[in-house]
Amino acid sequence: MVKKISLVLFLSIAFAGLWDISCLPLLSAQKIHRVAMVTWRGETPAEKGFSDGLKYYGHAIHIIKYHANQDMQLLDDAIAALGKSDVDLIYVFGTTSAKRVLSKIKQTPVVFNIVTRPVESKIIASWNSSGNNATGVSSMVPIVHQLKALKKVVPFFRLGIIYNPLEQNSVIQKGIVKGMETMLNFRLTEFKITGKRDIPQVLTRLNEAVDAVYLPSDSMIKILGTEIITRVNKFKIPSLSALEDLVTNDCALMGLVPDYYQLGRLAALKASLIFQGNHPSEIKTSTLDHFKITVNMHTAKKIGINIPTSILVMADKIIR
């Protein structure tokens, strides 16, 4: 009797050479979908959520992983390999990777994830229909909610934003924050960082210029989080991050953030609909309807900030 395999066949294979699936025993008649997974800065809980989600929806998959490691040449190499491979779907993480993949691959279905502003980034035409071979999930949290949460902790009038001007997603977020100056009664000061070398010079005047700092969803800021937030905390400046890791690992004061694992599960639903025969342009791009409040009490004590009870009772995670 033919023995059944588990629903998910999860293989990690370098793009130098794919393991020919025909060499595997034919243990089940269920179709095994070949999925390419393209990540920009390594795997996150989003990819775990995506894999678990596909298992939940009953799909057997064969995953080939391509890690760009924030290197455009590696990303282009991955895209070239994808152009020569026979995959049923491409999962891609982040704005930079999604834009690059979609500029080269026009037919294979693409599910993007952790893209903050997919319409403004011109990844899709609209939330209802991409107008191309993509659909996906946005990690967007309304910035106005983030800034209002920060206002409850510190009534800032001078806000700083630390971002990478070379990352389109980050520039878009900066523009949105700038547009809220009048509504939320603050003046924005920009601190542009394109690499580690910029940090000492750019952040030197931080304590003279701002009452609080906003850290957008930005891959560069994520990588340099420890160096940046160490300086912010040294000046005893409250910070709010759009990335949870900056709160839990790098000691930013607080964050109003999406749950990466749940974003992955939502992306898996999009992939499942494609496997059922739907074209990506027919599947709406969406985001979560619930966001997490994360507070680092160790940082609050260090910089002398009292977190209001109204924030603490709503917090999903408190670092003590």
Protein backbone atom coordinates (compact mmCIF):
# COMPACT_ATOMS: atom_id res chain seq x y z
CA MET A 1 0.00 0.00 0.00
CA VAL A 2 1.25 3.46 -0.79
CA LYS A 3 2.09 5.34 2.37
CA LYS A 4 0.96 8.97 2.72
CA ILE A 5 3.38 11.74 3.49
CA SER A 6 2.72 14.82 5.65
CA LEU A 7 0.96 17.72 3.99
CA VAL A 8 4.02 19.92 3.92
CA LEU A 9 7.32 18.88 2.43
CA PHE A 10 9.60 21.68 3.58
CA LEU A 11 12.99 21.71 1.92
CA SER A 12 15.61 24.45 2.08
CA ILE A 13 17.74 24.40 -1.05
CA ALA A 14 20.40 26.85 -2.21
CA PHE A 15 19.66 28.29 -5.62
CA ALA A 16 22.85 26.82 -7.02
CA GLY A 17 21.10 23.50 -7.58
CA LEU A 18 17.53 22.36 -7.03
CA TRP A 19 16.90 18.83 -5.85
CA ASP A 20 14.89 17.11 -8.55
CA ILE A 21 11.56 16.27 -6.95
CA SER A 22 11.19 13.26 -9.28
CA CYS A 23 13.82 11.43 -7.26
CA LEU A 24 11.46 11.39 -4.25
CA PRO A 25 9.21 8.35 -3.71
CA LEU A 26 5.68 8.87 -5.00
CA LEU A 27 4.00 8.56 -1.63
CA SER A 28 0.81 10.49 -2.34
CA ALA A 29 -1.29 11.46 -5.32
CA GLN A 30 -1.73 14.98 -3.85
CA LYS A 31 -0.23 17.71 -5.99
CA ILE A 32 2.94 19.19 -4.52
CA HIS A 33 3.17 22.91 -5.25
CA ARG A 34 6.62 24.31 -5.92
CA VAL A 35 7.02 27.59 -4.06
CA ALA A 36 10.01 29.95 -4.28
CA MET A 37 10.59 31.99 -1.12
CA VAL A 38 12.58 35.20 -1.63
CA THR A 39 13.66 37.02 1.53
CA TRP A 40 15.50 40.33 1.80
CA ARG A 41 16.97 40.23 5.31
CA GLY A 42 16.66 36.61 6.37
CA GLU A 43 13.71 34.61 7.61
CA THR A 44 11.26 36.08 10.09
CA PRO A 45 8.14 34.79 11.87
CA ALA A 46 6.25 35.86 8.72
CA GLU A 47 7.80 32.99 6.76
CA LYS A 48 6.98 30.55 9.55
CA GLY A 49 3.39 31.79 9.47
CA PHE A 50 3.28 31.38 5.70
CA SER A 51 4.49 27.77 5.83
CA ASP A 52 2.19 26.90 8.73
CA GLY A 53 -0.72 28.57 6.95
CA LEU A 54 -0.24 26.52 3.79
CA LYS A 55 -0.21 23.38 5.92
CA TYR A 56 -3.40 24.51 7.63
CA TYR A 57 -5.10 25.04 4.27
CA GLY A 58 -4.15 21.52 3.24
CA HIS A 59 -1.46 22.16 0.62
CA ALA A 60 1.63 20.03 0.10
CA ILE A 61 4.51 22.28 -0.87
CA HIS A 62 8.12 22.10 -1.92
CA ILE A 63 9.88 25.34 -0.93
CA ILE A 64 13.06 26.64 -2.54
CA LYS A 65 14.63 29.47 -0.52
CA TYR A 66 16.50 32.46 -1.91
CA HIS A 67 18.09 34.76 0.67
CA ALA A 68 19.21 38.12 -0.76
CA ASN A 69 20.86 39.26 2.50
CA GLN A 70 20.16 42.90 1.54
CA ASP A 71 22.39 42.53 -1.50
CA MET A 72 20.88 43.63 -4.82
CA GLN A 73 23.24 41.39 -6.78
CA LEU A 74 22.13 38.34 -4.79
CA LEU A 75 18.53 39.39 -5.35
CA ASP A 76 19.13 39.68 -9.09
CA ASP A 77 20.83 36.27 -9.07
CA ALA A 78 17.78 34.81 -7.36
CA ILE A 79 15.45 36.40 -9.90
CA ALA A 80 17.57 35.04 -12.76
CA ALA A 81 17.37 31.57 -11.22
CA LEU A 82 13.61 31.94 -10.83
CA GLY A 83 13.30 32.80 -14.49
CA LYS A 84 14.80 29.43 -15.37
CA SER A 85 12.94 27.36 -12.79
CA ASP A 86 9.49 25.82 -12.85
CA VAL A 87 7.69 27.12 -9.77
CA ASP A 88 3.97 27.50 -9.15
CA LEU A 89 4.23 30.58 -6.95
CA ILE A 90 6.77 33.09 -5.61
CA TYR A 91 6.56 34.38 -2.04
CA VAL A 92 8.58 37.56 -1.56
CA PHE A 93 9.36 39.59 1.56
CA GLY A 94 9.58 43.37 1.59
CA THR A 95 9.11 46.36 -0.71
CA THR A 96 12.55 46.30 -2.32
CA SER A 97 12.41 42.61 -3.19
CA ALA A 98 8.79 42.70 -4.36
CA LYS A 99 9.38 45.61 -6.73
CA ARG A 100 12.46 43.94 -8.18
CA VAL A 101 10.82 40.55 -8.62
CA LEU A 102 7.73 42.03 -10.28
CA SER A 103 9.82 44.15 -12.63
CA LYS A 104 11.31 40.96 -14.09
CA ILE A 105 8.70 38.24 -13.62
CA LYS A 106 5.37 38.91 -15.30
CA GLN A 107 3.62 35.53 -15.43
CA THR A 108 4.34 33.44 -12.33
CA PRO A 109 1.94 34.30 -9.47
CA VAL A 110 3.61 36.38 -6.74
CA VAL A 111 2.46 36.75 -3.14
CA PHE A 112 4.26 39.60 -1.38
CA ASN A 113 4.43 40.16 2.37
CA ILE A 114 5.65 42.88 4.76
CA VAL A 115 5.14 45.64 2.21
CA THR A 116 3.98 48.72 4.07
CA ARG A 117 2.60 50.84 1.21
CA PRO A 118 2.03 48.56 -1.81
CA VAL A 119 -0.01 51.08 -3.83
CA GLU A 120 2.25 54.07 -3.21
CA SER A 121 5.26 51.85 -4.00
CA LYS A 122 3.57 50.97 -7.32
CA ILE A 123 3.71 47.27 -6.56
CA ILE A 124 -0.04 47.05 -7.17
CA ALA A 125 -2.53 49.30 -8.92
CA SER A 126 -5.06 49.23 -6.07
CA TRP A 127 -5.98 47.29 -2.95
CA ASN A 128 -8.86 45.63 -4.78
CA SER A 129 -6.90 44.52 -7.84
CA SER A 130 -3.17 44.51 -8.44
CA GLY A 131 -3.49 44.78 -12.20
CA ASN A 132 -0.60 42.34 -12.52
CA ASN A 133 0.51 38.87 -11.41
CA ALA A 134 0.69 39.78 -7.71
CA THR A 135 -1.38 39.91 -4.57
CA GLY A 136 -0.27 40.09 -1.00
CA VAL A 137 -0.29 41.42 2.51
CA SER A 138 0.64 44.85 3.81
CA SER A 139 2.31 45.33 7.18
CA MET A 140 0.86 48.83 7.36
CA VAL A 141 -0.18 50.20 10.73
CA PRO A 142 -1.84 53.63 10.45
CA ILE A 143 0.90 56.07 11.40
CA VAL A 144 -1.62 58.41 12.96
CA HIS A 145 -2.45 55.69 15.53
CA GLN A 146 1.25 55.20 16.26
CA LEU A 147 1.89 58.90 16.81
CA LYS A 148 -1.23 59.30 18.96
CA ALA A 149 -0.01 56.42 21.13
CA LEU A 150 3.35 58.15 21.51
CA LYS A 151 1.58 61.43 22.37
CA LYS A 152 -0.10 59.64 25.28
CA VAL A 153 3.33 58.86 26.71
CA VAL A 154 5.09 62.14 25.98
CA PRO A 155 3.32 65.31 24.71
CA PHE A 156 5.97 66.02 22.08
CA PHE A 157 6.08 69.16 19.96
CA ARG A 158 9.39 68.36 18.23
CA LEU A 159 9.46 64.92 16.60
CA GLY A 160 12.45 63.30 14.97
CA ILE A 161 12.29 60.57 12.33
CA ILE A 162 15.33 58.37 11.68
CA TYR A 163 15.14 56.75 8.26
CA ASN A 164 16.98 55.64 5.14
CA PRO A 165 16.35 58.09 2.24
CA LEU A 166 17.40 55.37 -0.23
CA GLU A 167 14.53 53.06 0.75
CA GLN A 168 11.29 54.03 -0.98
CA ASN A 169 9.07 52.54 1.70
CA SER A 170 10.85 54.62 4.32
CA VAL A 171 10.55 57.82 2.27
CA ILE A 172 6.82 57.23 1.88
CA GLN A 173 6.40 56.85 5.64
CA LYS A 174 8.40 60.03 6.24
CA GLY A 175 6.05 61.89 3.91
CA ILE A 176 3.02 60.65 5.81
CA VAL A 177 4.50 61.74 9.15
CA LYS A 178 5.32 65.14 7.66
CA GLY A 179 1.72 65.53 6.55
CA MET A 180 0.52 65.14 10.15
CA GLU A 181 2.44 68.09 11.60
CA THR A 182 -0.55 70.43 11.75
CA MET A 183 -3.12 67.83 12.78
CA LEU A 184 -1.03 66.54 15.71
CA ASN A 185 0.72 69.84 16.49
CA PHE A 186 4.41 69.02 16.07
CA ARG A 187 7.37 69.95 13.91
CA LEU A 188 9.29 67.16 12.17
CA THR A 189 13.07 66.94 11.98
CA GLU A 190 14.63 64.39 9.63
CA PHE A 191 17.69 62.28 10.46
CA LYS A 192 18.86 60.45 7.33
CA ILE A 193 20.97 57.31 7.71
CA THR A 194 22.18 55.21 4.78
CA GLY A 195 24.78 53.18 6.69
CA LYS A 196 26.47 52.63 10.03
CA ARG A 197 29.05 55.32 9.27
CA ASP A 198 26.32 57.99 9.32
CA ILE A 199 25.12 57.32 12.86
CA PRO A 200 27.68 59.26 14.97
CA GLN A 201 27.46 62.43 12.89
CA VAL A 202 23.74 62.42 12.09
CA LEU A 203 22.52 61.70 15.62
CA THR A 204 24.90 64.05 17.43
CA ARG A 205 22.32 66.85 17.62
CA LEU A 206 19.40 64.59 18.47
CA ASN A 207 18.95 65.77 22.06
CA GLU A 208 18.99 69.41 21.00
CA ALA A 209 16.39 69.02 18.27
CA VAL A 210 13.61 66.66 19.38
CA ASP A 211 11.35 65.61 22.25
CA ALA A 212 10.66 62.15 20.82
CA VAL A 213 11.72 59.88 17.95
CA TYR A 214 9.72 57.86 15.43
CA LEU A 215 11.38 54.82 13.85
CA PRO A 216 9.60 53.68 10.65
CA SER A 217 9.45 50.22 9.13
CA ASP A 218 12.85 50.33 7.44
CA SER A 219 15.29 47.47 6.77
CA MET A 220 18.34 49.68 7.33
CA ILE A 221 17.01 50.93 10.67
CA LYS A 222 16.27 47.32 11.65
CA ILE A 223 19.83 46.20 10.92
CA LEU A 224 21.35 49.20 12.74
CA GLY A 225 18.78 49.16 15.54
CA THR A 226 21.15 48.57 18.45
CA GLU A 227 23.56 51.34 17.43
CA ILE A 228 20.74 53.82 16.79
CA ILE A 229 18.62 53.16 19.85
CA THR A 230 21.62 53.07 22.19
CA ARG A 231 22.24 56.71 21.23
CA VAL A 232 18.56 57.64 21.44
CA ASN A 233 18.32 56.16 24.95
CA LYS A 234 21.58 57.80 26.00
CA PHE A 235 19.90 61.16 25.35
CA LYS A 236 16.83 59.94 27.33
CA ILE A 237 14.56 60.49 24.32
CA PRO A 238 11.32 58.44 24.11
CA SER A 239 11.04 56.39 20.94
CA LEU A 240 8.25 54.62 19.10
CA SER A 241 9.07 51.94 16.55
CA ALA A 242 7.03 50.48 13.69
CA LEU A 243 9.10 47.27 14.10
CA GLU A 244 8.61 45.10 17.18
CA ASP A 245 12.19 43.77 17.14
CA LEU A 246 13.47 47.28 17.85
CA VAL A 247 11.49 47.23 21.11
CA THR A 248 12.10 43.65 22.21
CA ASN A 249 15.72 43.27 21.06
CA ASP A 250 17.14 46.77 20.69
CA CYS A 251 15.36 48.55 23.57
CA ALA A 252 13.24 51.17 21.83
CA LEU A 253 10.62 52.44 24.28
CA MET A 254 7.46 51.16 22.60
CA GLY A 255 5.87 50.01 19.39
CA LEU A 256 2.47 49.77 17.76
CA VAL A 257 3.17 46.98 15.33
CA PRO A 258 1.70 44.16 13.24
CA ASP A 259 2.14 40.51 14.17
CA TYR A 260 4.57 39.08 11.58
CA TYR A 261 3.42 35.50 12.14
CA GLN A 262 -0.20 36.44 11.49
CA LEU A 263 0.84 38.39 8.40
CA GLY A 264 2.42 35.16 7.16
CA ARG A 265 -0.79 33.25 7.81
CA LEU A 266 -2.73 35.86 5.84
CA ALA A 267 -0.24 35.59 2.97
CA ALA A 268 -0.79 31.82 3.00
CA LEU A 269 -4.50 32.41 2.45
CA LYS A 270 -3.66 34.42 -0.69
CA ALA A 271 -1.44 31.57 -1.94
CA SER A 272 -4.17 29.03 -1.19
CA LEU A 273 -6.65 30.99 -3.30
CA ILE A 274 -4.15 31.00 -6.16
CA PHE A 275 -3.64 27.24 -5.86
CA GLN A 276 -7.42 26.91 -6.12
CA GLY A 277 -7.31 28.56 -9.55
CA ASN A 278 -7.80 32.26 -8.83
CA HIS A 279 -5.66 34.80 -10.67
CA PRO A 280 -3.62 37.05 -8.31
CA SER A 281 -5.23 40.21 -9.70
CA GLU A 282 -8.62 38.87 -8.56
CA ILE A 283 -7.45 38.55 -4.94
CA LYS A 284 -7.54 41.71 -2.82
CA THR A 285 -4.40 42.87 -1.03
CA SER A 286 -5.12 43.26 2.67
CA THR A 287 -3.67 43.92 6.08
CA LEU A 288 -4.42 42.88 9.64
CA ASP A 289 -7.21 44.53 11.59
CA HIS A 290 -5.47 44.18 14.95
CA PHE A 291 -2.10 45.59 16.01
CA LYS A 292 0.15 44.86 18.96
CA ILE A 293 1.31 47.33 21.57
CA THR A 294 4.75 46.42 22.89
CA VAL A 295 6.36 48.34 25.76
CA ASN A 296 9.91 48.07 27.09
CA MET A 297 9.67 48.94 30.80
CA HIS A 298 13.42 48.53 31.22
CA THR A 299 13.94 51.37 28.75
CA ALA A 300 11.18 53.45 30.37
CA LYS A 301 12.97 53.24 33.71
CA LYS A 302 16.35 53.97 32.14
CA ILE A 303 15.21 57.16 30.41
CA GLY A 304 12.88 58.29 33.21
CA ILE A 305 9.50 57.89 31.46
CA ASN A 306 6.27 56.85 33.17
CA ILE A 307 4.12 54.71 30.88
CA PRO A 308 0.42 55.57 31.44
CA THR A 309 -1.83 52.83 32.75
CA SER A 310 -4.06 53.33 29.70
CA ILE A 311 -1.19 52.09 27.53
CA LEU A 312 -0.12 49.24 29.82
CA VAL A 313 -3.59 47.71 30.10
CA MET A 314 -3.78 47.49 26.30
CA ALA A 315 -0.23 46.22 25.82
CA ASP A 316 0.16 42.79 24.21
CA LYS A 317 3.77 42.48 25.35
CA ILE A 318 5.61 44.18 28.21
CA ILE A 319 9.38 43.81 28.48
CA ARG A 320 10.46 43.98 32.13
